[in-house]
Amino acid sequence: MGASVAIENVGTRVAQDTGGRINGYHIDVFQGFGRAAMQGWGNFRGTVRYLSGGGQCAN
């Protein structure tokens, strides 16, 4: 948590939780609530680059 990452065509984001159902090399990008937030999203495949920060997770 707390790691900064650059997501291709999305921008820079900071990890705020570990997502209990996310396994392996996957990320979950929160875009808001409702149908409008889901427009244009699905299984996105792109480059995610670690920038800095983060630490051990207590899971």
PDB file of N, CA and C in Angstrom:
ATOM      1  N   MET A   1       0.841  -1.178   0.000  1.00  0.00           N
ATOM      2  CA  MET A   1       0.000   0.000   0.000  1.00  0.00           C
ATOM      3  C   MET A   1       0.886   1.241   0.000  1.00  0.00           C
ATOM      4  N   GLY A   2       0.397   2.284  -0.615  1.00  0.00           N
ATOM      5  CA  GLY A   2       1.130   3.539  -0.677  1.00  0.00           C
ATOM      6  C   GLY A   2       2.080   3.636  -1.847  1.00  0.00           C
ATOM      7  N   ALA A   3       2.176   2.597  -2.660  1.00  0.00           N
ATOM      8  CA  ALA A   3       3.070   2.630  -3.817  1.00  0.00           C
ATOM      9  C   ALA A   3       2.463   3.498  -4.918  1.00  0.00           C
ATOM     10  N   SER A   4       3.303   4.290  -5.564  1.00  0.00           N
ATOM     11  CA  SER A   4       2.877   5.078  -6.716  1.00  0.00           C
ATOM     12  C   SER A   4       3.181   4.284  -7.975  1.00  0.00           C
ATOM     13  N   VAL A   5       2.212   4.234  -8.886  1.00  0.00           N
ATOM     14  CA  VAL A   5       2.390   3.542 -10.155  1.00  0.00           C
ATOM     15  C   VAL A   5       1.882   4.423 -11.287  1.00  0.00           C
ATOM     16  N   ALA A   6       2.480   4.276 -12.454  1.00  0.00           N
ATOM     17  CA  ALA A   6       2.025   4.962 -13.659  1.00  0.00           C
ATOM     18  C   ALA A   6       1.321   3.928 -14.525  1.00  0.00           C
ATOM     19  N   ILE A   7       0.042   4.154 -14.821  1.00  0.00           N
ATOM     20  CA  ILE A   7      -0.755   3.221 -15.601  1.00  0.00           C
ATOM     21  C   ILE A   7      -0.949   3.806 -16.996  1.00  0.00           C
ATOM     22  N   GLU A   8      -0.559   3.048 -18.003  1.00  0.00           N
ATOM     23  CA  GLU A   8      -0.657   3.483 -19.399  1.00  0.00           C
ATOM     24  C   GLU A   8      -2.076   3.961 -19.724  1.00  0.00           C
ATOM     25  N   ASN A   9      -2.192   5.130 -20.303  1.00  0.00           N
ATOM     26  CA  ASN A   9      -3.454   5.747 -20.718  1.00  0.00           C
ATOM     27  C   ASN A   9      -4.415   6.056 -19.566  1.00  0.00           C
ATOM     28  N   VAL A  10      -3.952   5.969 -18.315  1.00  0.00           N
ATOM     29  CA  VAL A  10      -4.782   6.292 -17.152  1.00  0.00           C
ATOM     30  C   VAL A  10      -4.132   7.408 -16.355  1.00  0.00           C
ATOM     31  N   GLY A  11      -2.845   7.269 -16.042  1.00  0.00           N
ATOM     32  CA  GLY A  11      -2.116   8.265 -15.275  1.00  0.00           C
ATOM     33  C   GLY A  11      -1.479   7.664 -14.036  1.00  0.00           C
ATOM     34  N   THR A  12      -1.008   8.515 -13.160  1.00  0.00           N
ATOM     35  CA  THR A  12      -0.353   8.088 -11.930  1.00  0.00           C
ATOM     36  C   THR A  12      -1.393   7.853 -10.840  1.00  0.00           C
ATOM     37  N   ARG A  13      -1.265   6.754 -10.139  1.00  0.00           N
ATOM     38  CA  ARG A  13      -2.171   6.409  -9.049  1.00  0.00           C
ATOM     39  C   ARG A  13      -1.367   5.921  -7.862  1.00  0.00           C
ATOM     40  N   VAL A  14      -1.987   5.922  -6.675  1.00  0.00           N
ATOM     41  CA  VAL A  14      -1.365   5.427  -5.447  1.00  0.00           C
ATOM     42  C   VAL A  14      -2.198   4.272  -4.913  1.00  0.00           C
ATOM     43  N   ALA A  15      -1.544   3.159  -4.581  1.00  0.00           N
ATOM     44  CA  ALA A  15      -2.243   1.994  -4.028  1.00  0.00           C
ATOM     45  C   ALA A  15      -2.817   2.343  -2.667  1.00  0.00           C
ATOM     46  N   GLN A  16      -4.146   2.177  -2.522  1.00  0.00           N
ATOM     47  CA  GLN A  16      -4.813   2.521  -1.270  1.00  0.00           C
ATOM     48  C   GLN A  16      -5.367   1.310  -0.540  1.00  0.00           C
ATOM     49  N   ASP A  17      -5.410   0.177  -1.185  1.00  0.00           N
ATOM     50  CA  ASP A  17      -5.798  -1.064  -0.521  1.00  0.00           C
ATOM     51  C   ASP A  17      -5.208  -2.218  -1.306  1.00  0.00           C
ATOM     52  N   THR A  18      -5.354  -3.414  -0.770  1.00  0.00           N
ATOM     53  CA  THR A  18      -4.767  -4.574  -1.426  1.00  0.00           C
ATOM     54  C   THR A  18      -5.791  -5.429  -2.149  1.00  0.00           C
ATOM     55  N   GLY A  19      -7.064  -5.097  -2.053  1.00  0.00           N
ATOM     56  CA  GLY A  19      -8.098  -5.838  -2.774  1.00  0.00           C
ATOM     57  C   GLY A  19      -8.052  -7.325  -2.478  1.00  0.00           C
ATOM     58  N   GLY A  20      -8.822  -7.789  -1.548  1.00  0.00           N
ATOM     59  CA  GLY A  20      -8.798  -9.176  -1.122  1.00  0.00           C
ATOM     60  C   GLY A  20      -9.023 -10.195  -2.219  1.00  0.00           C
ATOM     61  N   ARG A  21      -9.645  -9.814  -3.321  1.00  0.00           N
ATOM     62  CA  ARG A  21      -9.938 -10.767  -4.397  1.00  0.00           C
ATOM     63  C   ARG A  21      -8.986 -10.612  -5.580  1.00  0.00           C
ATOM     64  N   ILE A  22      -8.000  -9.736  -5.464  1.00  0.00           N
ATOM     65  CA  ILE A  22      -7.022  -9.545  -6.532  1.00  0.00           C
ATOM     66  C   ILE A  22      -5.846 -10.473  -6.285  1.00  0.00           C
ATOM     67  N   ASN A  23      -5.580 -11.369  -7.244  1.00  0.00           N
ATOM     68  CA  ASN A  23      -4.483 -12.332  -7.124  1.00  0.00           C
ATOM     69  C   ASN A  23      -3.549 -12.200  -8.317  1.00  0.00           C
ATOM     70  N   GLY A  24      -2.280 -12.371  -8.087  1.00  0.00           N
ATOM     71  CA  GLY A  24      -1.303 -12.326  -9.179  1.00  0.00           C
ATOM     72  C   GLY A  24      -1.024 -10.906  -9.612  1.00  0.00           C
ATOM     73  N   TYR A  25      -0.632 -10.771 -10.854  1.00  0.00           N
ATOM     74  CA  TYR A  25      -0.257  -9.473 -11.407  1.00  0.00           C
ATOM     75  C   TYR A  25      -1.477  -8.764 -11.994  1.00  0.00           C
ATOM     76  N   HIS A  26      -2.367  -8.329 -11.126  1.00  0.00           N
ATOM     77  CA  HIS A  26      -3.571  -7.629 -11.528  1.00  0.00           C
ATOM     78  C   HIS A  26      -3.729  -6.392 -10.665  1.00  0.00           C
ATOM     79  N   ILE A  27      -4.380  -5.391 -11.195  1.00  0.00           N
ATOM     80  CA  ILE A  27      -4.702  -4.206 -10.413  1.00  0.00           C
ATOM     81  C   ILE A  27      -6.181  -3.899 -10.580  1.00  0.00           C
ATOM     82  N   ASP A  28      -6.700  -3.155  -9.657  1.00  0.00           N
ATOM     83  CA  ASP A  28      -8.095  -2.748  -9.666  1.00  0.00           C
ATOM     84  C   ASP A  28      -8.093  -1.223  -9.572  1.00  0.00           C
ATOM     85  N   VAL A  29      -8.558  -0.550 -10.609  1.00  0.00           N
ATOM     86  CA  VAL A  29      -8.549   0.919 -10.644  1.00  0.00           C
ATOM     87  C   VAL A  29      -9.963   1.423 -10.361  1.00  0.00           C
ATOM     88  N   PHE A  30     -10.138   2.125  -9.246  1.00  0.00           N
ATOM     89  CA  PHE A  30     -11.446   2.671  -8.889  1.00  0.00           C
ATOM     90  C   PHE A  30     -11.727   3.895  -9.748  1.00  0.00           C
ATOM     91  N   GLN A  31     -12.860   3.890 -10.443  1.00  0.00           N
ATOM     92  CA  GLN A  31     -13.247   4.988 -11.331  1.00  0.00           C
ATOM     93  C   GLN A  31     -14.514   5.681 -10.865  1.00  0.00           C
ATOM     94  N   GLY A  32     -15.090   5.256  -9.748  1.00  0.00           N
ATOM     95  CA  GLY A  32     -16.329   5.851  -9.274  1.00  0.00           C
ATOM     96  C   GLY A  32     -17.430   4.813  -9.193  1.00  0.00           C
ATOM     97  N   PHE A  33     -18.649   5.269  -9.028  1.00  0.00           N
ATOM     98  CA  PHE A  33     -19.800   4.386  -8.873  1.00  0.00           C
ATOM     99  C   PHE A  33     -20.725   4.482 -10.089  1.00  0.00           C
ATOM    100  N   GLY A  34     -21.465   3.442 -10.333  1.00  0.00           N
ATOM    101  CA  GLY A  34     -22.508   3.453 -11.350  1.00  0.00           C
ATOM    102  C   GLY A  34     -22.044   3.131 -12.753  1.00  0.00           C
ATOM    103  N   ARG A  35     -23.010   3.125 -13.659  1.00  0.00           N
ATOM    104  CA  ARG A  35     -22.751   2.759 -15.060  1.00  0.00           C
ATOM    105  C   ARG A  35     -21.803   3.722 -15.762  1.00  0.00           C
ATOM    106  N   ALA A  36     -21.914   4.999 -15.463  1.00  0.00           N
ATOM    107  CA  ALA A  36     -21.050   5.984 -16.120  1.00  0.00           C
ATOM    108  C   ALA A  36     -19.574   5.712 -15.826  1.00  0.00           C
ATOM    109  N   ALA A  37     -19.268   5.252 -14.628  1.00  0.00           N
ATOM    110  CA  ALA A  37     -17.889   4.953 -14.255  1.00  0.00           C
ATOM    111  C   ALA A  37     -17.348   3.748 -15.015  1.00  0.00           C
ATOM    112  N   MET A  38     -18.237   2.883 -15.480  1.00  0.00           N
ATOM    113  CA  MET A  38     -17.824   1.664 -16.174  1.00  0.00           C
ATOM    114  C   MET A  38     -17.658   1.845 -17.684  1.00  0.00           C
ATOM    115  N   GLN A  39     -18.076   2.968 -18.226  1.00  0.00           N
ATOM    116  CA  GLN A  39     -17.989   3.203 -19.667  1.00  0.00           C
ATOM    117  C   GLN A  39     -16.555   3.031 -20.166  1.00  0.00           C
ATOM    118  N   GLY A  40     -16.385   2.197 -21.159  1.00  0.00           N
ATOM    119  CA  GLY A  40     -15.086   2.019 -21.789  1.00  0.00           C
ATOM    120  C   GLY A  40     -14.112   1.127 -21.043  1.00  0.00           C
ATOM    121  N   TRP A  41     -14.555   0.534 -19.931  1.00  0.00           N
ATOM    122  CA  TRP A  41     -13.650  -0.321 -19.168  1.00  0.00           C
ATOM    123  C   TRP A  41     -14.046  -1.771 -19.324  1.00  0.00           C
ATOM    124  N   GLY A  42     -13.094  -2.619 -19.219  1.00  0.00           N
ATOM    125  CA  GLY A  42     -13.276  -4.065 -19.278  1.00  0.00           C
ATOM    126  C   GLY A  42     -11.985  -4.677 -18.789  1.00  0.00           C
ATOM    127  N   ASN A  43     -11.485  -5.637 -19.507  1.00  0.00           N
ATOM    128  CA  ASN A  43     -10.187  -6.215 -19.196  1.00  0.00           C
ATOM    129  C   ASN A  43      -9.120  -5.420 -19.922  1.00  0.00           C
ATOM    130  N   PHE A  44      -8.614  -4.416 -19.267  1.00  0.00           N
ATOM    131  CA  PHE A  44      -7.589  -3.541 -19.823  1.00  0.00           C
ATOM    132  C   PHE A  44      -6.243  -4.244 -19.789  1.00  0.00           C
ATOM    133  N   ARG A  45      -5.524  -4.183 -20.876  1.00  0.00           N
ATOM    134  CA  ARG A  45      -4.163  -4.714 -20.914  1.00  0.00           C
ATOM    135  C   ARG A  45      -3.246  -3.571 -21.313  1.00  0.00           C
ATOM    136  N   GLY A  46      -2.325  -3.247 -20.431  1.00  0.00           N
ATOM    137  CA  GLY A  46      -1.401  -2.166 -20.701  1.00  0.00           C
ATOM    138  C   GLY A  46      -0.240  -2.218 -19.738  1.00  0.00           C
ATOM    139  N   THR A  47       0.622  -1.243 -19.835  1.00  0.00           N
ATOM    140  CA  THR A  47       1.815  -1.184 -19.017  1.00  0.00           C
ATOM    141  C   THR A  47       1.547  -0.452 -17.708  1.00  0.00           C
ATOM    142  N   VAL A  48       1.982  -1.048 -16.618  1.00  0.00           N
ATOM    143  CA  VAL A  48       1.930  -0.418 -15.303  1.00  0.00           C
ATOM    144  C   VAL A  48       3.370  -0.356 -14.803  1.00  0.00           C
ATOM    145  N   ARG A  49       3.828   0.840 -14.479  1.00  0.00           N
ATOM    146  CA  ARG A  49       5.215   1.027 -14.059  1.00  0.00           C
ATOM    147  C   ARG A  49       5.268   1.499 -12.610  1.00  0.00           C
ATOM    148  N   TYR A  50       6.022   0.782 -11.786  1.00  0.00           N
ATOM    149  CA  TYR A  50       6.215   1.156 -10.388  1.00  0.00           C
ATOM    150  C   TYR A  50       7.057   2.425 -10.345  1.00  0.00           C
ATOM    151  N   LEU A  51       6.632   3.404  -9.545  1.00  0.00           N
ATOM    152  CA  LEU A  51       7.375   4.648  -9.420  1.00  0.00           C
ATOM    153  C   LEU A  51       8.115   4.736  -8.092  1.00  0.00           C
ATOM    154  N   SER A  52       7.416   4.563  -6.970  1.00  0.00           N
ATOM    155  CA  SER A  52       8.074   4.667  -5.667  1.00  0.00           C
ATOM    156  C   SER A  52       7.125   4.304  -4.545  1.00  0.00           C
ATOM    157  N   GLY A  53       7.681   4.166  -3.358  1.00  0.00           N
ATOM    158  CA  GLY A  53       6.888   3.997  -2.145  1.00  0.00           C
ATOM    159  C   GLY A  53       6.367   2.589  -1.939  1.00  0.00           C
ATOM    160  N   GLY A  54       5.422   2.516  -1.048  1.00  0.00           N
ATOM    161  CA  GLY A  54       4.817   1.236  -0.730  1.00  0.00           C
ATOM    162  C   GLY A  54       5.576   0.539   0.375  1.00  0.00           C
ATOM    163  N   GLY A  55       5.091  -0.592   0.750  1.00  0.00           N
ATOM    164  CA  GLY A  55       5.720  -1.360   1.813  1.00  0.00           C
ATOM    165  C   GLY A  55       5.062  -2.698   1.965  1.00  0.00           C
ATOM    166  N   GLN A  56       5.367  -3.352   3.027  1.00  0.00           N
ATOM    167  CA  GLN A  56       4.807  -4.666   3.286  1.00  0.00           C
ATOM    168  C   GLN A  56       3.341  -4.560   3.654  1.00  0.00           C
ATOM    169  N   CYS A  57       2.600  -5.540   3.246  1.00  0.00           N
ATOM    170  CA  CYS A  57       1.182  -5.624   3.549  1.00  0.00           C
ATOM    171  C   CYS A  57       0.990  -6.515   4.774  1.00  0.00           C
ATOM    172  N   ALA A  58       0.059  -6.199   5.608  1.00  0.00           N
ATOM    173  CA  ALA A  58      -0.160  -6.973   6.833  1.00  0.00           C
ATOM    174  C   ALA A  58      -1.068  -8.168   6.628  1.00  0.00           C
ATOM    175  N   ASN A  59      -1.372  -8.550   5.390  1.00  0.00           N
ATOM    176  CA  ASN A  59      -2.284  -9.675   5.130  1.00  0.00           C
ATOM    177  C   ASN A  59      -1.671 -10.983   5.526  1.00  0.00           C
TER     178      ASN A  59
END
